[in-house]
Amino acid sequence: MADAQQRTEANEIAEFLSEFLLSAEVSNAYTLDEFKELFPLKFRDHEDVKQLYKAFQSKRKKLKAVIKRNIARHCSAANMMSLHLSHEQYHHLQNNSSVPGSNEESSDNEQQHLKEKLLSVRKDCKAAENQFMRCEKQLSDFDIFQGLNNKDFNVHTLQLLREKLEKPDLTEA
């Protein structure tokens, strides 16, 4: 109960602060005398009031600009999110409203798509392996690199990776 009350009070404070920061009634153009009137009588003639006035003016303008920018950013993100969700919902309804066996068909299509991706990845790995082997052969032809450690440039690891991709081990999952 106390936690809910604290949240309610925090929300009220946040709303009040937001209203103050964005309110058109709160002017950016207070005069120094108007600003001094906001302080108790004993502090109105204090020397730091002038510095506070300048700081208030600059911070108020900056905060208002930042808050407006954040609100605009949040609204555009919310609009994009709602458009994205409605687009996904449309496709979901369209896919599920067809023939009763559509779920099986979509999983078959997804499985076929994944197989195609796997073949593409394997092809890319093979191309990379061939490229590494070609580079290794070229490096071995140069006398400059004869003194280097052969373990620094190892094609064997790439071959093991290719073998794992070709024969996935289901026990590791």
N, C-alpha and C. Protein backbone atom coordinates (compact mmCIF):
# COMPACT_ATOMS: atom_id res chain seq x y z
N MET A 1 0.82 -1.19 0.00
CA MET A 1 0.00 0.00 0.00
C MET A 1 0.87 1.26 0.00
N ALA A 2 1.88 1.24 0.86
CA ALA A 2 2.78 2.40 0.94
C ALA A 2 3.56 2.57 -0.36
N ASP A 3 3.92 1.43 -0.96
CA ASP A 3 4.66 1.46 -2.22
C ASP A 3 3.82 2.07 -3.33
N ALA A 4 2.54 1.71 -3.37
CA ALA A 4 1.63 2.27 -4.38
C ALA A 4 1.44 3.76 -4.15
N GLN A 5 1.38 4.17 -2.89
CA GLN A 5 1.21 5.59 -2.58
C GLN A 5 2.46 6.38 -2.99
N GLN A 6 3.64 5.78 -2.76
CA GLN A 6 4.89 6.45 -3.16
C GLN A 6 4.94 6.61 -4.67
N ARG A 7 4.51 5.55 -5.39
CA ARG A 7 4.50 5.64 -6.86
C ARG A 7 3.54 6.72 -7.33
N THR A 8 2.38 6.79 -6.69
CA THR A 8 1.40 7.81 -7.05
C THR A 8 1.96 9.21 -6.81
N GLU A 9 2.60 9.40 -5.68
CA GLU A 9 3.21 10.70 -5.37
C GLU A 9 4.33 11.02 -6.36
N ALA A 10 5.13 10.01 -6.70
CA ALA A 10 6.22 10.22 -7.66
C ALA A 10 5.65 10.59 -9.02
N ASN A 11 4.56 9.94 -9.42
CA ASN A 11 3.93 10.27 -10.70
C ASN A 11 3.37 11.69 -10.69
N GLU A 12 2.77 12.08 -9.57
CA GLU A 12 2.25 13.44 -9.46
C GLU A 12 3.37 14.47 -9.56
N ILE A 13 4.48 14.18 -8.89
CA ILE A 13 5.63 15.09 -8.94
C ILE A 13 6.18 15.17 -10.36
N ALA A 14 6.27 14.02 -11.03
CA ALA A 14 6.78 14.00 -12.41
C ALA A 14 5.86 14.78 -13.33
N GLU A 15 4.54 14.61 -13.16
CA GLU A 15 3.59 15.35 -13.98
C GLU A 15 3.70 16.86 -13.72
N PHE A 16 3.83 17.22 -12.45
CA PHE A 16 3.96 18.63 -12.09
C PHE A 16 5.23 19.21 -12.70
N LEU A 17 6.33 18.47 -12.59
CA LEU A 17 7.60 18.95 -13.13
C LEU A 17 7.52 19.08 -14.65
N SER A 18 6.94 18.08 -15.31
CA SER A 18 6.80 18.13 -16.77
C SER A 18 5.94 19.32 -17.17
N GLU A 19 4.84 19.51 -16.44
CA GLU A 19 3.96 20.63 -16.74
C GLU A 19 4.70 21.96 -16.56
N PHE A 20 5.48 22.06 -15.51
CA PHE A 20 6.25 23.28 -15.26
C PHE A 20 7.26 23.52 -16.37
N LEU A 21 7.96 22.46 -16.76
CA LEU A 21 9.02 22.63 -17.75
C LEU A 21 8.47 22.94 -19.14
N LEU A 22 7.29 22.41 -19.45
CA LEU A 22 6.75 22.60 -20.79
C LEU A 22 5.65 23.66 -20.86
N SER A 23 5.19 24.11 -19.73
CA SER A 23 4.08 25.04 -19.69
C SER A 23 4.41 26.34 -20.41
N ALA A 24 3.46 26.80 -21.20
CA ALA A 24 3.65 28.07 -21.89
C ALA A 24 3.49 29.23 -20.92
N GLU A 25 2.81 28.96 -19.79
CA GLU A 25 2.59 30.02 -18.80
C GLU A 25 3.88 30.39 -18.08
N VAL A 26 4.79 29.43 -17.95
CA VAL A 26 6.08 29.72 -17.32
C VAL A 26 6.96 30.33 -18.39
N SER A 27 7.28 31.56 -18.19
CA SER A 27 7.98 32.32 -19.23
C SER A 27 9.48 32.10 -19.17
N ASN A 28 10.10 32.18 -20.34
CA ASN A 28 11.56 32.15 -20.41
C ASN A 28 12.12 33.56 -20.21
N ALA A 29 11.23 34.53 -20.23
CA ALA A 29 11.68 35.92 -20.23
C ALA A 29 11.33 36.64 -18.94
N TYR A 30 11.58 36.01 -17.79
CA TYR A 30 11.42 36.72 -16.52
C TYR A 30 12.45 37.84 -16.46
N THR A 31 12.02 38.96 -15.93
CA THR A 31 13.00 40.01 -15.65
C THR A 31 13.67 39.66 -14.33
N LEU A 32 14.77 40.30 -14.07
CA LEU A 32 15.49 40.03 -12.82
C LEU A 32 14.63 40.37 -11.61
N ASP A 33 13.87 41.46 -11.72
CA ASP A 33 12.99 41.85 -10.60
C ASP A 33 11.89 40.81 -10.37
N GLU A 34 11.31 40.30 -11.46
CA GLU A 34 10.29 39.26 -11.33
C GLU A 34 10.88 37.99 -10.72
N PHE A 35 12.10 37.68 -11.11
CA PHE A 35 12.77 36.50 -10.59
C PHE A 35 13.06 36.67 -9.10
N LYS A 36 13.47 37.86 -8.71
CA LYS A 36 13.76 38.13 -7.29
C LYS A 36 12.52 37.98 -6.42
N GLU A 37 11.35 38.31 -6.99
CA GLU A 37 10.10 38.21 -6.24
C GLU A 37 9.76 36.77 -5.88
N LEU A 38 10.35 35.82 -6.58
CA LEU A 38 10.09 34.41 -6.28
C LEU A 38 10.79 33.96 -5.00
N PHE A 39 11.78 34.74 -4.54
CA PHE A 39 12.54 34.39 -3.34
C PHE A 39 11.92 35.04 -2.11
N PRO A 40 12.16 34.47 -0.94
CA PRO A 40 11.73 35.15 0.30
C PRO A 40 12.43 36.50 0.43
N LEU A 41 11.83 37.40 1.17
CA LEU A 41 12.34 38.78 1.30
C LEU A 41 13.80 38.85 1.72
N LYS A 42 14.20 38.02 2.65
CA LYS A 42 15.58 38.13 3.16
C LYS A 42 16.63 37.70 2.14
N PHE A 43 16.23 36.96 1.09
CA PHE A 43 17.20 36.51 0.08
C PHE A 43 17.14 37.31 -1.22
N ARG A 44 16.18 38.18 -1.37
CA ARG A 44 16.00 38.89 -2.65
C ARG A 44 17.19 39.77 -3.01
N ASP A 45 17.87 40.30 -2.04
CA ASP A 45 19.00 41.19 -2.33
C ASP A 45 20.34 40.47 -2.25
N HIS A 46 20.31 39.17 -2.16
CA HIS A 46 21.55 38.40 -2.07
C HIS A 46 22.30 38.49 -3.40
N GLU A 47 23.62 38.53 -3.34
CA GLU A 47 24.43 38.73 -4.55
C GLU A 47 24.37 37.55 -5.52
N ASP A 48 24.07 36.35 -5.05
CA ASP A 48 24.04 35.18 -5.93
C ASP A 48 22.73 35.05 -6.71
N VAL A 49 21.74 35.86 -6.40
CA VAL A 49 20.45 35.78 -7.10
C VAL A 49 20.63 36.09 -8.58
N LYS A 50 21.51 37.04 -8.88
CA LYS A 50 21.77 37.40 -10.28
C LYS A 50 22.35 36.21 -11.05
N GLN A 51 23.29 35.50 -10.43
CA GLN A 51 23.87 34.32 -11.07
C GLN A 51 22.83 33.22 -11.22
N LEU A 52 22.00 33.04 -10.20
CA LEU A 52 20.92 32.06 -10.29
C LEU A 52 19.95 32.41 -11.43
N TYR A 53 19.69 33.70 -11.59
CA TYR A 53 18.81 34.16 -12.65
C TYR A 53 19.36 33.77 -14.02
N LYS A 54 20.65 34.04 -14.24
CA LYS A 54 21.27 33.69 -15.52
C LYS A 54 21.26 32.18 -15.74
N ALA A 55 21.57 31.43 -14.69
CA ALA A 55 21.58 29.97 -14.79
C ALA A 55 20.17 29.45 -15.08
N PHE A 56 19.16 30.05 -14.41
CA PHE A 56 17.78 29.64 -14.65
C PHE A 56 17.39 29.85 -16.10
N GLN A 57 17.72 31.00 -16.64
CA GLN A 57 17.36 31.32 -18.01
C GLN A 57 17.98 30.32 -18.99
N SER A 58 19.26 30.09 -18.84
CA SER A 58 19.93 29.20 -19.81
C SER A 58 19.47 27.75 -19.64
N LYS A 59 19.38 27.29 -18.39
CA LYS A 59 18.95 25.90 -18.16
C LYS A 59 17.52 25.67 -18.59
N ARG A 60 16.65 26.64 -18.34
CA ARG A 60 15.24 26.51 -18.71
C ARG A 60 15.11 26.34 -20.21
N LYS A 61 15.82 27.14 -20.97
CA LYS A 61 15.76 27.02 -22.43
C LYS A 61 16.31 25.68 -22.90
N LYS A 62 17.44 25.27 -22.32
CA LYS A 62 18.04 23.98 -22.71
C LYS A 62 17.13 22.81 -22.35
N LEU A 63 16.58 22.83 -21.14
CA LEU A 63 15.70 21.75 -20.71
C LEU A 63 14.45 21.66 -21.58
N LYS A 64 13.89 22.80 -21.89
CA LYS A 64 12.69 22.82 -22.70
C LYS A 64 12.98 22.24 -24.09
N ALA A 65 14.12 22.60 -24.67
CA ALA A 65 14.49 22.06 -25.98
C ALA A 65 14.73 20.55 -25.91
N VAL A 66 15.43 20.11 -24.87
CA VAL A 66 15.70 18.67 -24.72
C VAL A 66 14.42 17.89 -24.51
N ILE A 67 13.53 18.41 -23.67
CA ILE A 67 12.28 17.71 -23.40
C ILE A 67 11.42 17.63 -24.66
N LYS A 68 11.33 18.72 -25.40
CA LYS A 68 10.57 18.69 -26.65
C LYS A 68 11.16 17.68 -27.62
N ARG A 69 12.49 17.65 -27.72
CA ARG A 69 13.15 16.69 -28.61
C ARG A 69 12.89 15.25 -28.15
N ASN A 70 12.97 15.01 -26.84
CA ASN A 70 12.72 13.67 -26.32
C ASN A 70 11.27 13.23 -26.53
N ILE A 71 10.35 14.16 -26.35
CA ILE A 71 8.94 13.84 -26.59
C ILE A 71 8.72 13.51 -28.06
N ALA A 72 9.29 14.30 -28.95
CA ALA A 72 9.15 14.03 -30.38
C ALA A 72 9.77 12.69 -30.74
N ARG A 73 10.94 12.39 -30.18
CA ARG A 73 11.61 11.12 -30.45
C ARG A 73 10.77 9.95 -29.93
N HIS A 74 10.22 10.11 -28.73
CA HIS A 74 9.40 9.05 -28.13
C HIS A 74 8.13 8.83 -28.97
N CYS A 75 7.50 9.92 -29.40
CA CYS A 75 6.28 9.79 -30.20
C CYS A 75 6.56 9.13 -31.54
N SER A 76 7.66 9.50 -32.17
CA SER A 76 7.97 8.88 -33.47
C SER A 76 8.33 7.41 -33.28
N ALA A 77 9.02 7.07 -32.19
CA ALA A 77 9.34 5.66 -31.93
C ALA A 77 8.06 4.88 -31.64
N ALA A 78 7.14 5.47 -30.90
CA ALA A 78 5.87 4.80 -30.60
C ALA A 78 5.06 4.60 -31.88
N ASN A 79 5.06 5.60 -32.77
CA ASN A 79 4.36 5.46 -34.04
C ASN A 79 4.97 4.35 -34.89
N MET A 80 6.30 4.33 -34.94
CA MET A 80 6.97 3.28 -35.72
C MET A 80 6.67 1.91 -35.13
N MET A 81 6.65 1.81 -33.80
CA MET A 81 6.38 0.54 -33.14
C MET A 81 4.96 0.08 -33.46
N SER A 82 4.00 1.00 -33.40
CA SER A 82 2.62 0.61 -33.68
C SER A 82 2.46 0.22 -35.14
N LEU A 83 3.14 0.92 -36.05
CA LEU A 83 3.09 0.54 -37.46
C LEU A 83 3.71 -0.82 -37.67
N HIS A 84 4.84 -1.07 -37.00
CA HIS A 84 5.52 -2.35 -37.14
C HIS A 84 4.65 -3.48 -36.60
N LEU A 85 4.03 -3.27 -35.45
CA LEU A 85 3.17 -4.30 -34.87
C LEU A 85 1.95 -4.55 -35.74
N SER A 86 1.35 -3.49 -36.24
CA SER A 86 0.17 -3.69 -37.07
C SER A 86 0.55 -4.41 -38.37
N HIS A 87 1.74 -4.13 -38.90
CA HIS A 87 2.21 -4.81 -40.10
C HIS A 87 2.42 -6.30 -39.81
N GLU A 88 3.04 -6.61 -38.65
CA GLU A 88 3.25 -8.01 -38.28
C GLU A 88 1.92 -8.71 -38.03
N GLN A 89 0.99 -8.04 -37.36
CA GLN A 89 -0.31 -8.63 -37.10
C GLN A 89 -1.03 -8.92 -38.40
N TYR A 90 -0.93 -8.01 -39.36
CA TYR A 90 -1.57 -8.20 -40.65
C TYR A 90 -1.04 -9.46 -41.33
N HIS A 91 0.29 -9.61 -41.38
CA HIS A 91 0.88 -10.78 -42.01
C HIS A 91 0.55 -12.05 -41.24
N HIS A 92 0.51 -11.96 -39.91
CA HIS A 92 0.18 -13.13 -39.10
C HIS A 92 -1.25 -13.58 -39.39
N LEU A 93 -2.18 -12.62 -39.44
CA LEU A 93 -3.56 -12.96 -39.74
C LEU A 93 -3.70 -13.50 -41.16
N GLN A 94 -2.98 -12.91 -42.07
CA GLN A 94 -3.04 -13.35 -43.46
C GLN A 94 -2.51 -14.77 -43.60
N ASN A 95 -1.41 -15.09 -42.92
CA ASN A 95 -0.84 -16.43 -42.99
C ASN A 95 -1.70 -17.46 -42.29
N ASN A 96 -2.32 -17.10 -41.18
CA ASN A 96 -3.09 -18.06 -40.40
C ASN A 96 -4.53 -18.21 -40.87
N SER A 97 -5.01 -17.30 -41.70
CA SER A 97 -6.40 -17.37 -42.13
C SER A 97 -6.59 -18.23 -43.37
N SER A 98 -5.53 -18.75 -43.94
CA SER A 98 -5.67 -19.56 -45.15
C SER A 98 -6.05 -20.99 -44.78
N VAL A 99 -5.59 -21.94 -45.51
CA VAL A 99 -5.94 -23.36 -45.39
C VAL A 99 -5.58 -23.88 -43.99
N PRO A 100 -6.35 -24.87 -43.45
CA PRO A 100 -6.06 -25.38 -42.11
C PRO A 100 -4.64 -25.90 -41.92
N GLY A 101 -3.98 -26.40 -42.92
CA GLY A 101 -2.62 -26.92 -42.80
C GLY A 101 -1.56 -25.87 -43.00
N SER A 102 -1.92 -24.59 -42.86
CA SER A 102 -0.98 -23.51 -43.15
C SER A 102 0.19 -23.48 -42.18
N ASN A 103 -0.03 -23.88 -40.93
CA ASN A 103 1.07 -23.90 -39.96
C ASN A 103 2.14 -24.88 -40.38
N GLU A 104 1.72 -26.04 -40.88
CA GLU A 104 2.69 -27.02 -41.35
C GLU A 104 3.44 -26.49 -42.57
N GLU A 105 2.70 -25.83 -43.46
CA GLU A 105 3.33 -25.27 -44.65
C GLU A 105 4.33 -24.18 -44.28
N SER A 106 3.96 -23.33 -43.33
CA SER A 106 4.87 -22.25 -42.95
C SER A 106 6.11 -22.81 -42.27
N SER A 107 5.95 -23.87 -41.45
CA SER A 107 7.14 -24.46 -40.83
C SER A 107 8.01 -25.15 -41.88
N ASP A 108 7.36 -25.77 -42.90
CA ASP A 108 8.14 -26.36 -43.99
C ASP A 108 8.89 -25.28 -44.76
N ASN A 109 8.21 -24.17 -45.01
CA ASN A 109 8.86 -23.05 -45.71
C ASN A 109 10.01 -22.50 -44.89
N GLU A 110 9.80 -22.38 -43.59
CA GLU A 110 10.86 -21.88 -42.72
C GLU A 110 12.04 -22.84 -42.70
N GLN A 111 11.73 -24.13 -42.64
CA GLN A 111 12.80 -25.14 -42.64
C GLN A 111 13.58 -25.09 -43.96
N GLN A 112 12.88 -24.94 -45.07
CA GLN A 112 13.54 -24.84 -46.37
C GLN A 112 14.42 -23.59 -46.42
N HIS A 113 13.91 -22.50 -45.89
CA HIS A 113 14.68 -21.25 -45.85
C HIS A 113 15.94 -21.43 -45.01
N LEU A 114 15.82 -22.10 -43.87
CA LEU A 114 16.99 -22.34 -43.02
C LEU A 114 18.01 -23.25 -43.70
N LYS A 115 17.54 -24.23 -44.44
CA LYS A 115 18.45 -25.10 -45.19
C LYS A 115 19.22 -24.30 -46.24
N GLU A 116 18.50 -23.41 -46.91
CA GLU A 116 19.16 -22.56 -47.91
C GLU A 116 20.21 -21.66 -47.26
N LYS A 117 19.89 -21.12 -46.09
CA LYS A 117 20.86 -20.29 -45.37
C LYS A 117 22.08 -21.11 -44.96
N LEU A 118 21.85 -22.35 -44.50
CA LEU A 118 22.95 -23.22 -44.10
C LEU A 118 23.86 -23.50 -45.29
N LEU A 119 23.27 -23.79 -46.43
CA LEU A 119 24.07 -24.02 -47.64
C LEU A 119 24.87 -22.77 -48.00
N SER A 120 24.25 -21.62 -47.87
CA SER A 120 24.94 -20.37 -48.17
C SER A 120 26.11 -20.14 -47.22
N VAL A 121 25.92 -20.43 -45.94
CA VAL A 121 26.99 -20.27 -44.95
C VAL A 121 28.12 -21.24 -45.25
N ARG A 122 27.77 -22.48 -45.58
CA ARG A 122 28.80 -23.47 -45.92
C ARG A 122 29.59 -23.03 -47.15
N LYS A 123 28.88 -22.49 -48.12
CA LYS A 123 29.55 -22.02 -49.34
C LYS A 123 30.51 -20.88 -49.01
N ASP A 124 30.06 -19.96 -48.16
CA ASP A 124 30.92 -18.85 -47.74
C ASP A 124 32.14 -19.34 -46.98
N CYS A 125 31.94 -20.34 -46.11
CA CYS A 125 33.07 -20.91 -45.36
C CYS A 125 34.07 -21.56 -46.30
N LYS A 126 33.57 -22.27 -47.28
CA LYS A 126 34.45 -22.93 -48.25
C LYS A 126 35.24 -21.88 -49.03
N ALA A 127 34.57 -20.81 -49.44
CA ALA A 127 35.25 -19.74 -50.18
C ALA A 127 36.32 -19.09 -49.30
N ALA A 128 35.99 -18.86 -48.03
CA ALA A 128 36.97 -18.26 -47.11
C ALA A 128 38.15 -19.21 -46.89
N GLU A 129 37.85 -20.50 -46.77
CA GLU A 129 38.93 -21.48 -46.60
C GLU A 129 39.85 -21.49 -47.81
N ASN A 130 39.26 -21.47 -49.00
CA ASN A 130 40.07 -21.43 -50.22
C ASN A 130 40.92 -20.17 -50.27
N GLN A 131 40.35 -19.06 -49.86
CA GLN A 131 41.09 -17.80 -49.84
C GLN A 131 42.26 -17.88 -48.85
N PHE A 132 42.01 -18.45 -47.66
CA PHE A 132 43.08 -18.61 -46.68
C PHE A 132 44.18 -19.53 -47.20
N MET A 133 43.78 -20.60 -47.84
CA MET A 133 44.78 -21.55 -48.37
C MET A 133 45.63 -20.88 -49.45
N ARG A 134 44.96 -20.09 -50.30
CA ARG A 134 45.69 -19.39 -51.35
C ARG A 134 46.68 -18.41 -50.73
N CYS A 135 46.23 -17.68 -49.72
CA CYS A 135 47.12 -16.74 -49.03
C CYS A 135 48.27 -17.46 -48.34
N GLU A 136 47.97 -18.59 -47.71
CA GLU A 136 49.01 -19.35 -47.03
C GLU A 136 50.06 -19.83 -48.04
N LYS A 137 49.61 -20.27 -49.21
CA LYS A 137 50.56 -20.72 -50.24
C LYS A 137 51.42 -19.56 -50.71
N GLN A 138 50.80 -18.41 -50.93
CA GLN A 138 51.57 -17.25 -51.36
C GLN A 138 52.57 -16.83 -50.29
N LEU A 139 52.18 -16.86 -49.03
CA LEU A 139 53.09 -16.50 -47.95
C LEU A 139 54.24 -17.49 -47.84
N SER A 140 53.94 -18.76 -48.05
CA SER A 140 55.01 -19.75 -47.94
C SER A 140 56.01 -19.62 -49.09
N ASP A 141 55.60 -19.01 -50.20
CA ASP A 141 56.51 -18.81 -51.33
C ASP A 141 57.52 -17.69 -51.06
N PHE A 142 57.21 -16.79 -50.14
CA PHE A 142 58.12 -15.69 -49.84
C PHE A 142 59.14 -16.12 -48.80
N ASP A 143 60.39 -15.78 -49.04
CA ASP A 143 61.45 -16.12 -48.09
C ASP A 143 61.37 -15.26 -46.83
N ILE A 144 60.76 -14.09 -46.94
CA ILE A 144 60.70 -13.17 -45.81
C ILE A 144 59.96 -13.80 -44.64
N PHE A 145 58.91 -14.57 -44.94
CA PHE A 145 58.07 -15.13 -43.90
C PHE A 145 58.49 -16.52 -43.45
N GLN A 146 59.60 -17.01 -43.88
CA GLN A 146 60.03 -18.36 -43.52
C GLN A 146 60.29 -18.52 -42.03
N GLY A 147 60.74 -17.47 -41.35
CA GLY A 147 61.06 -17.57 -39.94
C GLY A 147 59.86 -17.44 -39.01
N LEU A 148 58.68 -17.13 -39.55
CA LEU A 148 57.50 -16.96 -38.70
C LEU A 148 56.98 -18.29 -38.21
N ASN A 149 56.29 -18.27 -37.09
CA ASN A 149 55.68 -19.46 -36.52
C ASN A 149 54.47 -19.85 -37.36
N ASN A 150 54.42 -21.08 -37.80
CA ASN A 150 53.31 -21.53 -38.64
C ASN A 150 51.99 -21.59 -37.87
N LYS A 151 52.05 -21.63 -36.55
CA LYS A 151 50.83 -21.69 -35.75
C LYS A 151 50.07 -20.37 -35.80
N ASP A 152 50.74 -19.30 -36.19
CA ASP A 152 50.07 -18.00 -36.28
C ASP A 152 49.04 -17.99 -37.40
N PHE A 153 49.22 -18.81 -38.40
CA PHE A 153 48.35 -18.83 -39.57
C PHE A 153 47.92 -20.27 -39.78
N ASN A 154 46.78 -20.66 -39.19
CA ASN A 154 46.38 -22.05 -39.17
C ASN A 154 45.08 -22.25 -39.94
N VAL A 155 45.15 -23.03 -41.00
CA VAL A 155 43.98 -23.34 -41.80
C VAL A 155 43.22 -24.51 -41.19
N HIS A 156 43.90 -25.28 -40.37
CA HIS A 156 43.28 -26.47 -39.78
C HIS A 156 42.04 -26.09 -38.96
N THR A 157 42.09 -24.99 -38.23
CA THR A 157 40.94 -24.55 -37.43
C THR A 157 39.76 -24.23 -38.33
N LEU A 158 40.01 -23.61 -39.46
CA LEU A 158 38.95 -23.31 -40.41
C LEU A 158 38.35 -24.58 -40.98
N GLN A 159 39.18 -25.59 -41.24
CA GLN A 159 38.68 -26.86 -41.74
C GLN A 159 37.80 -27.54 -40.70
N LEU A 160 38.19 -27.48 -39.43
CA LEU A 160 37.37 -28.06 -38.37
C LEU A 160 36.01 -27.37 -38.28
N LEU A 161 36.01 -26.06 -38.44
CA LEU A 161 34.76 -25.31 -38.42
C LEU A 161 33.86 -25.75 -39.56
N ARG A 162 34.42 -25.91 -40.75
CA ARG A 162 33.63 -26.36 -41.89
C ARG A 162 33.05 -27.74 -41.63
N GLU A 163 33.84 -28.65 -41.05
CA GLU A 163 33.35 -30.00 -40.76
C GLU A 163 32.20 -29.95 -39.76
N LYS A 164 32.30 -29.08 -38.77
CA LYS A 164 31.21 -28.96 -37.79
C LYS A 164 29.94 -28.44 -38.46
N LEU A 165 30.09 -27.51 -39.39
CA LEU A 165 28.92 -26.99 -40.08
C LEU A 165 28.29 -28.04 -40.99
N GLU A 166 29.11 -28.88 -41.58
CA GLU A 166 28.59 -29.92 -42.46
C GLU A 166 27.89 -31.02 -41.68
N LYS A 167 28.39 -31.35 -40.51
CA LYS A 167 27.81 -32.41 -39.68
C LYS A 167 27.49 -31.83 -38.31
N PRO A 168 26.33 -31.16 -38.17
CA PRO A 168 26.02 -30.58 -36.86
C PRO A 168 25.81 -31.66 -35.81
N ASP A 169 26.41 -31.45 -34.65
CA ASP A 169 26.30 -32.40 -33.54
C ASP A 169 25.11 -31.97 -32.69
N LEU A 170 24.04 -32.76 -32.70
CA LEU A 170 22.81 -32.39 -32.00
C LEU A 170 22.92 -32.58 -30.50
N THR A 171 23.93 -33.33 -30.03
CA THR A 171 24.07 -33.56 -28.59
C THR A 171 24.60 -32.32 -27.88
N GLU A 172 25.24 -31.40 -28.59
CA GLU A 172 25.78 -30.19 -27.96
C GLU A 172 24.71 -29.16 -27.68
N ALA A 173 23.59 -29.23 -28.37
CA ALA A 173 22.52 -28.25 -28.17
C ALA A 173 21.86 -28.51 -26.86
